[in-house]
């Protein structure tokens, strides 16, 4: 497993971002990311107590123009 900060990748696997990294990429607060997850605007996976968002999901949100 290769680590880049909090972003981890496996060979051929999608990059998973935590709430804070996703907030930085989208220039919003972590609270906004959690709110979007609750509302269904942003899809996320819960791994135990950890919440992870696929990088493609962030890209989908940006391309859909639904960042704010």
PDB file of N, CA and C in Angstrom:
ATOM      1  N   UNK A   1       0.852  -1.170   0.000  1.00  0.00           N
ATOM      2  CA  UNK A   1       0.000   0.000   0.000  1.00  0.00           C
ATOM      3  C   UNK A   1       0.897   1.231   0.000  1.00  0.00           C
ATOM      4  N   UNK A   2       0.602   2.181  -0.828  1.00  0.00           N
ATOM      5  CA  UNK A   2       1.381   3.405  -0.940  1.00  0.00           C
ATOM      6  C   UNK A   2       0.615   4.539  -0.278  1.00  0.00           C
ATOM      7  N   UNK A   3       1.270   5.301   0.572  1.00  0.00           N
ATOM      8  CA  UNK A   3       0.590   6.390   1.282  1.00  0.00           C
ATOM      9  C   UNK A   3       1.066   7.734   0.767  1.00  0.00           C
ATOM     10  N   UNK A   4       0.132   8.632   0.551  1.00  0.00           N
ATOM     11  CA  UNK A   4       0.408  10.009   0.151  1.00  0.00           C
ATOM     12  C   UNK A   4      -0.371  10.889   1.113  1.00  0.00           C
ATOM     13  N   UNK A   5       0.230  11.287   2.224  1.00  0.00           N
ATOM     14  CA  UNK A   5      -0.531  12.007   3.245  1.00  0.00           C
ATOM     15  C   UNK A   5      -1.578  11.064   3.796  1.00  0.00           C
ATOM     16  N   UNK A   6      -2.815  11.490   3.804  1.00  0.00           N
ATOM     17  CA  UNK A   6      -3.904  10.627   4.255  1.00  0.00           C
ATOM     18  C   UNK A   6      -4.570   9.892   3.101  1.00  0.00           C
ATOM     19  N   UNK A   7      -4.076  10.115   1.857  1.00  0.00           N
ATOM     20  CA  UNK A   7      -4.662   9.470   0.689  1.00  0.00           C
ATOM     21  C   UNK A   7      -3.902   8.182   0.439  1.00  0.00           C
ATOM     22  N   UNK A   8      -4.599   7.063   0.435  1.00  0.00           N
ATOM     23  CA  UNK A   8      -3.954   5.775   0.242  1.00  0.00           C
ATOM     24  C   UNK A   8      -4.440   5.149  -1.062  1.00  0.00           C
ATOM     25  N   UNK A   9      -3.531   4.477  -1.758  1.00  0.00           N
ATOM     26  CA  UNK A   9      -3.897   3.816  -2.999  1.00  0.00           C
ATOM     27  C   UNK A   9      -3.414   2.379  -2.979  1.00  0.00           C
ATOM     28  N   UNK A  10      -4.133   1.521  -3.649  1.00  0.00           N
ATOM     29  CA  UNK A  10      -3.721   0.150  -3.906  1.00  0.00           C
ATOM     30  C   UNK A  10      -3.608   0.026  -5.413  1.00  0.00           C
ATOM     31  N   UNK A  11      -2.809  -0.889  -5.894  1.00  0.00           N
ATOM     32  CA  UNK A  11      -2.656  -1.074  -7.329  1.00  0.00           C
ATOM     33  C   UNK A  11      -4.027  -1.300  -7.965  1.00  0.00           C
ATOM     34  N   UNK A  12      -4.414  -0.425  -8.873  1.00  0.00           N
ATOM     35  CA  UNK A  12      -5.680  -0.557  -9.578  1.00  0.00           C
ATOM     36  C   UNK A  12      -6.895  -0.107  -8.789  1.00  0.00           C
ATOM     37  N   UNK A  13      -6.722   0.383  -7.577  1.00  0.00           N
ATOM     38  CA  UNK A  13      -7.856   0.793  -6.745  1.00  0.00           C
ATOM     39  C   UNK A  13      -8.050   2.305  -6.824  1.00  0.00           C
ATOM     40  N   UNK A  14      -9.258   2.710  -6.576  1.00  0.00           N
ATOM     41  CA  UNK A  14      -9.617   4.125  -6.542  1.00  0.00           C
ATOM     42  C   UNK A  14      -8.987   4.790  -5.324  1.00  0.00           C
ATOM     43  N   UNK A  15      -8.555   6.042  -5.487  1.00  0.00           N
ATOM     44  CA  UNK A  15      -8.023   6.781  -4.345  1.00  0.00           C
ATOM     45  C   UNK A  15      -9.165   7.178  -3.427  1.00  0.00           C
ATOM     46  N   UNK A  16      -8.975   6.957  -2.154  1.00  0.00           N
ATOM     47  CA  UNK A  16      -9.978   7.310  -1.155  1.00  0.00           C
ATOM     48  C   UNK A  16      -9.488   8.507  -0.358  1.00  0.00           C
ATOM     49  N   UNK A  17     -10.364   9.488  -0.204  1.00  0.00           N
ATOM     50  CA  UNK A  17     -10.045  10.712   0.516  1.00  0.00           C
ATOM     51  C   UNK A  17     -10.837  10.758   1.809  1.00  0.00           C
ATOM     52  N   UNK A  18     -10.244  11.342   2.837  1.00  0.00           N
ATOM     53  CA  UNK A  18     -11.018  11.545   4.053  1.00  0.00           C
ATOM     54  C   UNK A  18     -11.800  12.858   3.935  1.00  0.00           C
ATOM     55  N   UNK A  19     -12.600  13.152   4.932  1.00  0.00           N
ATOM     56  CA  UNK A  19     -13.459  14.343   4.896  1.00  0.00           C
ATOM     57  C   UNK A  19     -12.621  15.614   4.777  1.00  0.00           C
ATOM     58  N   UNK A  20     -11.521  15.699   5.533  1.00  0.00           N
ATOM     59  CA  UNK A  20     -10.695  16.905   5.500  1.00  0.00           C
ATOM     60  C   UNK A  20     -10.029  17.123   4.144  1.00  0.00           C
ATOM     61  N   UNK A  21      -9.483  16.060   3.543  1.00  0.00           N
ATOM     62  CA  UNK A  21      -8.868  16.182   2.221  1.00  0.00           C
ATOM     63  C   UNK A  21      -9.902  16.583   1.167  1.00  0.00           C
ATOM     64  N   UNK A  22     -11.097  16.006   1.261  1.00  0.00           N
ATOM     65  CA  UNK A  22     -12.173  16.350   0.323  1.00  0.00           C
ATOM     66  C   UNK A  22     -12.561  17.814   0.470  1.00  0.00           C
ATOM     67  N   UNK A  23     -12.637  18.286   1.702  1.00  0.00           N
ATOM     68  CA  UNK A  23     -12.975  19.695   1.952  1.00  0.00           C
ATOM     69  C   UNK A  23     -11.922  20.617   1.361  1.00  0.00           C
ATOM     70  N   UNK A  24     -10.651  20.260   1.498  1.00  0.00           N
ATOM     71  CA  UNK A  24      -9.584  21.078   0.922  1.00  0.00           C
ATOM     72  C   UNK A  24      -9.683  21.140  -0.600  1.00  0.00           C
ATOM     73  N   UNK A  25      -9.947  19.997  -1.230  1.00  0.00           N
ATOM     74  CA  UNK A  25     -10.058  19.965  -2.689  1.00  0.00           C
ATOM     75  C   UNK A  25     -11.226  20.807  -3.203  1.00  0.00           C
ATOM     76  N   UNK A  26     -12.313  20.832  -2.442  1.00  0.00           N
ATOM     77  CA  UNK A  26     -13.511  21.549  -2.871  1.00  0.00           C
ATOM     78  C   UNK A  26     -13.607  22.955  -2.281  1.00  0.00           C
ATOM     79  N   UNK A  27     -12.629  23.329  -1.464  1.00  0.00           N
ATOM     80  CA  UNK A  27     -12.589  24.662  -0.834  1.00  0.00           C
ATOM     81  C   UNK A  27     -13.854  24.939  -0.016  1.00  0.00           C
ATOM     82  N   UNK A  28     -14.256  23.946   0.759  1.00  0.00           N
ATOM     83  CA  UNK A  28     -15.385  24.080   1.685  1.00  0.00           C
ATOM     84  C   UNK A  28     -14.939  23.526   3.033  1.00  0.00           C
ATOM     85  N   UNK A  29     -15.778  23.681   4.039  1.00  0.00           N
ATOM     86  CA  UNK A  29     -15.423  23.171   5.362  1.00  0.00           C
ATOM     87  C   UNK A  29     -15.750  21.679   5.459  1.00  0.00           C
ATOM     88  N   UNK A  30     -15.095  20.976   6.381  1.00  0.00           N
ATOM     89  CA  UNK A  30     -15.443  19.569   6.613  1.00  0.00           C
ATOM     90  C   UNK A  30     -16.908  19.398   7.013  1.00  0.00           C
ATOM     91  N   UNK A  31     -17.470  20.392   7.704  1.00  0.00           N
ATOM     92  CA  UNK A  31     -18.891  20.332   8.069  1.00  0.00           C
ATOM     93  C   UNK A  31     -19.778  20.295   6.824  1.00  0.00           C
ATOM     94  N   UNK A  32     -19.391  21.044   5.796  1.00  0.00           N
ATOM     95  CA  UNK A  32     -20.146  21.047   4.536  1.00  0.00           C
ATOM     96  C   UNK A  32     -20.072  19.679   3.883  1.00  0.00           C
ATOM     97  N   UNK A  33     -18.894  19.065   3.883  1.00  0.00           N
ATOM     98  CA  UNK A  33     -18.741  17.725   3.309  1.00  0.00           C
ATOM     99  C   UNK A  33     -19.652  16.740   4.037  1.00  0.00           C
ATOM    100  N   UNK A  34     -19.648  16.776   5.349  1.00  0.00           N
ATOM    101  CA  UNK A  34     -20.506  15.866   6.122  1.00  0.00           C
ATOM    102  C   UNK A  34     -21.986  16.126   5.853  1.00  0.00           C
ATOM    103  N   UNK A  35     -22.352  17.400   5.693  1.00  0.00           N
ATOM    104  CA  UNK A  35     -23.737  17.758   5.378  1.00  0.00           C
ATOM    105  C   UNK A  35     -24.127  17.213   4.012  1.00  0.00           C
ATOM    106  N   UNK A  36     -23.240  17.351   3.007  1.00  0.00           N
ATOM    107  CA  UNK A  36     -23.518  16.831   1.669  1.00  0.00           C
ATOM    108  C   UNK A  36     -23.652  15.311   1.696  1.00  0.00           C
ATOM    109  N   UNK A  37     -22.857  14.641   2.532  1.00  0.00           N
ATOM    110  CA  UNK A  37     -22.974  13.183   2.654  1.00  0.00           C
ATOM    111  C   UNK A  37     -24.336  12.826   3.244  1.00  0.00           C
ATOM    112  N   UNK A  38     -24.734  13.535   4.303  1.00  0.00           N
ATOM    113  CA  UNK A  38     -26.052  13.273   4.930  1.00  0.00           C
ATOM    114  C   UNK A  38     -27.198  13.505   3.955  1.00  0.00           C
ATOM    115  N   UNK A  39     -27.091  14.551   3.129  1.00  0.00           N
ATOM    116  CA  UNK A  39     -28.154  14.888   2.176  1.00  0.00           C
ATOM    117  C   UNK A  39     -28.133  14.005   0.933  1.00  0.00           C
ATOM    118  N   UNK A  40     -27.050  13.255   0.723  1.00  0.00           N
ATOM    119  CA  UNK A  40     -26.941  12.409  -0.463  1.00  0.00           C
ATOM    120  C   UNK A  40     -26.328  13.114  -1.652  1.00  0.00           C
ATOM    121  N   UNK A  41     -25.878  14.341  -1.485  1.00  0.00           N
ATOM    122  CA  UNK A  41     -25.232  15.081  -2.567  1.00  0.00           C
ATOM    123  C   UNK A  41     -23.870  14.488  -2.893  1.00  0.00           C
ATOM    124  N   UNK A  42     -23.210  13.967  -1.884  1.00  0.00           N
ATOM    125  CA  UNK A  42     -21.881  13.385  -2.022  1.00  0.00           C
ATOM    126  C   UNK A  42     -21.926  11.966  -1.471  1.00  0.00           C
ATOM    127  N   UNK A  43     -21.550  10.993  -2.289  1.00  0.00           N
ATOM    128  CA  UNK A  43     -21.551   9.598  -1.853  1.00  0.00           C
ATOM    129  C   UNK A  43     -20.255   9.298  -1.113  1.00  0.00           C
ATOM    130  N   UNK A  44     -20.364   8.566  -0.035  1.00  0.00           N
ATOM    131  CA  UNK A  44     -19.205   8.207   0.771  1.00  0.00           C
ATOM    132  C   UNK A  44     -19.371   6.786   1.284  1.00  0.00           C
ATOM    133  N   UNK A  45     -18.255   6.226   1.725  1.00  0.00           N
ATOM    134  CA  UNK A  45     -18.236   4.889   2.302  1.00  0.00           C
ATOM    135  C   UNK A  45     -17.777   4.995   3.740  1.00  0.00           C
ATOM    136  N   UNK A  46     -18.463   4.299   4.611  1.00  0.00           N
ATOM    137  CA  UNK A  46     -18.066   4.287   6.011  1.00  0.00           C
ATOM    138  C   UNK A  46     -17.355   2.973   6.280  1.00  0.00           C
ATOM    139  N   UNK A  47     -16.131   3.066   6.777  1.00  0.00           N
ATOM    140  CA  UNK A  47     -15.316   1.911   7.112  1.00  0.00           C
ATOM    141  C   UNK A  47     -15.111   1.934   8.622  1.00  0.00           C
ATOM    142  N   UNK A  48     -15.985   1.252   9.330  1.00  0.00           N
ATOM    143  CA  UNK A  48     -15.974   1.362  10.783  1.00  0.00           C
ATOM    144  C   UNK A  48     -16.402   2.770  11.155  1.00  0.00           C
ATOM    145  N   UNK A  49     -15.527   3.496  11.827  1.00  0.00           N
ATOM    146  CA  UNK A  49     -15.825   4.891  12.190  1.00  0.00           C
ATOM    147  C   UNK A  49     -15.272   5.880  11.172  1.00  0.00           C
ATOM    148  N   UNK A  50     -14.532   5.386  10.172  1.00  0.00           N
ATOM    149  CA  UNK A  50     -13.910   6.253   9.184  1.00  0.00           C
ATOM    150  C   UNK A  50     -14.841   6.486   8.004  1.00  0.00           C
ATOM    151  N   UNK A  51     -14.859   7.705   7.504  1.00  0.00           N
ATOM    152  CA  UNK A  51     -15.636   8.049   6.313  1.00  0.00           C
ATOM    153  C   UNK A  51     -14.646   8.323   5.195  1.00  0.00           C
ATOM    154  N   UNK A  52     -14.833   7.675   4.055  1.00  0.00           N
ATOM    155  CA  UNK A  52     -13.950   7.865   2.911  1.00  0.00           C
ATOM    156  C   UNK A  52     -14.769   8.178   1.663  1.00  0.00           C
ATOM    157  N   UNK A  53     -14.206   9.041   0.828  1.00  0.00           N
ATOM    158  CA  UNK A  53     -14.868   9.477  -0.403  1.00  0.00           C
ATOM    159  C   UNK A  53     -13.941   9.160  -1.563  1.00  0.00           C
ATOM    160  N   UNK A  54     -14.471   8.512  -2.584  1.00  0.00           N
ATOM    161  CA  UNK A  54     -13.662   8.212  -3.762  1.00  0.00           C
ATOM    162  C   UNK A  54     -13.342   9.507  -4.496  1.00  0.00           C
ATOM    163  N   UNK A  55     -12.129   9.601  -5.023  1.00  0.00           N
ATOM    164  CA  UNK A  55     -11.721  10.797  -5.745  1.00  0.00           C
ATOM    165  C   UNK A  55     -12.634  11.051  -6.944  1.00  0.00           C
ATOM    166  N   UNK A  56     -13.108   9.997  -7.589  1.00  0.00           N
ATOM    167  CA  UNK A  56     -14.010  10.165  -8.733  1.00  0.00           C
ATOM    168  C   UNK A  56     -15.325  10.816  -8.309  1.00  0.00           C
ATOM    169  N   UNK A  57     -15.723  10.614  -7.060  1.00  0.00           N
ATOM    170  CA  UNK A  57     -16.945  11.241  -6.550  1.00  0.00           C
ATOM    171  C   UNK A  57     -16.745  12.753  -6.409  1.00  0.00           C
ATOM    172  N   UNK A  58     -15.560  13.165  -5.988  1.00  0.00           N
ATOM    173  CA  UNK A  58     -15.235  14.595  -5.915  1.00  0.00           C
ATOM    174  C   UNK A  58     -15.255  15.189  -7.315  1.00  0.00           C
ATOM    175  N   UNK A  59     -14.647  14.493  -8.268  1.00  0.00           N
ATOM    176  CA  UNK A  59     -14.622  14.963  -9.655  1.00  0.00           C
ATOM    177  C   UNK A  59     -16.027  15.052 -10.236  1.00  0.00           C
ATOM    178  N   UNK A  60     -16.897  14.070  -9.878  1.00  0.00           N
ATOM    179  CA  UNK A  60     -18.284  14.093 -10.352  1.00  0.00           C
ATOM    180  C   UNK A  60     -19.012  15.331  -9.833  1.00  0.00           C
ATOM    181  N   UNK A  61     -18.789  15.638  -8.581  1.00  0.00           N
ATOM    182  CA  UNK A  61     -19.433  16.797  -7.969  1.00  0.00           C
ATOM    183  C   UNK A  61     -18.979  18.093  -8.641  1.00  0.00           C
ATOM    184  N   UNK A  62     -17.687  18.187  -8.923  1.00  0.00           N
ATOM    185  CA  UNK A  62     -17.151  19.376  -9.587  1.00  0.00           C
ATOM    186  C   UNK A  62     -17.725  19.517 -10.985  1.00  0.00           C
ATOM    187  N   UNK A  63     -17.723  18.426 -11.751  1.00  0.00           N
ATOM    188  CA  UNK A  63     -18.209  18.502 -13.132  1.00  0.00           C
ATOM    189  C   UNK A  63     -19.710  18.761 -13.202  1.00  0.00           C
ATOM    190  N   UNK A  64     -20.442  18.336 -12.170  1.00  0.00           N
ATOM    191  CA  UNK A  64     -21.881  18.589 -12.136  1.00  0.00           C
ATOM    192  C   UNK A  64     -22.187  20.034 -11.724  1.00  0.00           C
ATOM    193  N   UNK A  65     -21.167  20.751 -11.254  1.00  0.00           N
ATOM    194  CA  UNK A  65     -21.358  22.141 -10.853  1.00  0.00           C
ATOM    195  C   UNK A  65     -22.171  22.284  -9.586  1.00  0.00           C
ATOM    196  N   UNK A  66     -22.118  21.270  -8.706  1.00  0.00           N
ATOM    197  CA  UNK A  66     -22.953  21.277  -7.497  1.00  0.00           C
ATOM    198  C   UNK A  66     -22.116  21.483  -6.240  1.00  0.00           C
ATOM    199  N   UNK A  67     -21.071  22.276  -6.355  1.00  0.00           N
ATOM    200  CA  UNK A  67     -20.186  22.437  -5.218  1.00  0.00           C
ATOM    201  C   UNK A  67     -20.764  23.358  -4.153  1.00  0.00           C
ATOM    202  N   UNK A  68     -21.659  24.231  -4.449  1.00  0.00           N
ATOM    203  CA  UNK A  68     -22.157  25.161  -3.440  1.00  0.00           C
ATOM    204  C   UNK A  68     -23.658  25.121  -3.363  1.00  0.00           C
TER     205      UNK A  68
END
